[in-house]
Protein backbone atom coordinates (compact mmCIF):
# COMPACT_ATOMS: atom_id res chain seq x y z
CA ALA A 1 3.01 -13.79 3.81
CA LYS A 2 3.00 -16.27 1.32
CA LYS A 3 4.43 -13.66 -1.32
CA TRP A 4 5.80 -10.58 -1.18
CA ILE A 5 8.41 -8.36 -3.32
CA ASN A 6 12.02 -8.17 -2.47
CA ILE A 7 12.77 -4.58 -3.26
CA ARG A 8 16.38 -5.48 -3.51
CA LYS A 9 15.12 -8.20 -6.86
CA SER A 10 13.29 -5.36 -7.94
CA TYR A 11 15.63 -2.30 -7.70
CA GLY A 12 18.38 -4.53 -9.26
CA ASN A 13 16.07 -5.46 -12.44
CA PHE A 14 14.94 -1.59 -12.91
CA TYR A 15 17.86 -0.18 -12.44
CA LYS A 16 20.30 -3.08 -14.24
CA VAL A 17 22.80 -3.49 -11.22
CA PRO A 18 24.41 -6.34 -9.75
CA ARG A 19 23.23 -7.68 -6.83
CA ASN A 20 26.34 -6.41 -4.92
CA GLN A 21 24.66 -2.74 -5.52
CA THR A 22 21.62 -3.41 -4.01
CA LYS A 23 22.30 -3.76 -0.36
CA LEU A 24 20.36 -0.89 1.43
CA THR A 25 22.77 1.79 2.37
CA ILE A 26 23.99 0.81 -1.46
CA MET A 27 20.22 1.63 -3.16
CA LEU A 28 20.01 4.80 -1.21
CA GLU A 29 23.14 6.63 -2.06
CA LYS A 30 22.77 5.77 -5.81
CA LEU A 31 18.88 7.17 -5.53
CA GLY A 32 20.50 10.11 -3.74
CA MET A 33 18.94 9.93 -0.59
CA ASN A 34 20.60 9.07 2.98
CA TYR A 35 20.12 6.49 5.38
CA ASP A 36 17.13 7.96 8.09
CA GLY A 37 17.41 6.68 11.42
CA ARG A 38 19.39 3.68 13.02
CA PRO A 39 20.82 1.41 10.73
CA HIS A 40 19.86 -1.99 11.40
CA SER A 41 16.38 -0.69 13.32
CA GLY A 42 13.58 -2.70 11.82
CA LEU A 43 11.25 0.43 11.76
CA ASP A 44 14.12 2.22 10.61
CA ASP A 45 14.86 0.32 8.17
CA SER A 46 11.59 -0.47 6.76
CA LYS A 47 10.89 3.25 6.44
CA ASN A 48 14.28 3.03 4.09
CA ILE A 49 12.69 0.61 2.17
CA ALA A 50 9.58 2.14 1.57
CA ARG A 51 11.13 5.20 0.84
CA ILE A 52 12.95 3.72 -2.24
CA ALA A 53 10.12 1.70 -3.45
CA VAL A 54 8.20 5.39 -4.07
CA ARG A 55 11.26 6.73 -5.96
CA MET A 56 11.31 2.99 -8.27
CA LEU A 57 7.15 3.74 -8.41
CA GLN A 58 8.19 7.43 -9.51
CA ASP A 59 10.74 6.40 -11.90
CA GLY A 60 8.49 4.62 -13.69
CA CYS A 61 8.69 1.08 -11.98
CA GLU A 62 6.11 -1.53 -11.58
CA LEU A 63 6.01 -3.19 -8.37
CA ARG A 64 5.08 -7.64 -8.89
CA VAL A 65 5.17 -10.38 -6.10
CA ASN A 66 8.60 -11.82 -7.02
CA GLU A 67 9.00 -14.11 -4.36
CA ARG A 68 6.94 -16.81 -2.68
CA MET A 69 6.97 -19.32 -0.22
CA HIS A 70 5.99 -23.06 -1.37
CA ALA A 71 5.68 -26.18 0.50
CA GLY A 72 8.52 -24.56 2.48
CA GLN A 73 10.63 -23.28 -0.21
CA LEU A 74 11.59 -20.00 -1.06
CA MET A 75 10.64 -19.23 -5.16
CA THR A 76 11.04 -16.98 -7.55
CA VAL A 77 8.13 -15.56 -9.25
CA SER A 78 8.33 -14.26 -13.11
CA SER A 79 8.08 -11.05 -13.09
CA SER A 80 5.66 -12.05 -16.51
CA THR A 81 3.59 -13.87 -14.02
CA PRO A 82 0.30 -11.42 -13.62
CA LEU A 83 -0.83 -9.87 -10.16
CA GLU A 84 -3.42 -12.26 -8.51
CA GLY A 85 -6.21 -9.65 -7.60
CA ALA A 86 -4.08 -6.58 -6.77
CA PRO A 87 -4.41 -3.31 -8.62
CA ALA A 88 -2.00 -1.88 -10.33
CA PRO A 89 0.39 0.78 -8.66
CA GLN A 90 -0.93 3.79 -8.63
CA MET A 91 2.05 6.70 -8.40
CA PRO A 92 1.61 9.09 -5.27
CA ARG A 93 -0.45 11.87 -6.14
CA TYR A 94 1.00 15.26 -3.97
CA ARG A 95 -0.71 18.40 -3.08
CA ASN A 96 0.98 21.45 -4.09
């Protein structure tokens, strides 16, 4: 993976909160969610991060690549940089 979405950065920018308010448990708490699973379990952390991402999409956030690796260095990607070949995120559709 050379490019990715850092949810902590996206969350902080979208909800206008400082970096110290972007820890996984704090993000969940502020969104009114409980942590599901065992803390520091890679699978459970991933599921909880996905729940945060879904909520951000529902709240109108457009998730975009915001970090990448270049020549072994971590680089921040400008939020105004267009997505390369990826469709815009779509809101999940729920059946009633």
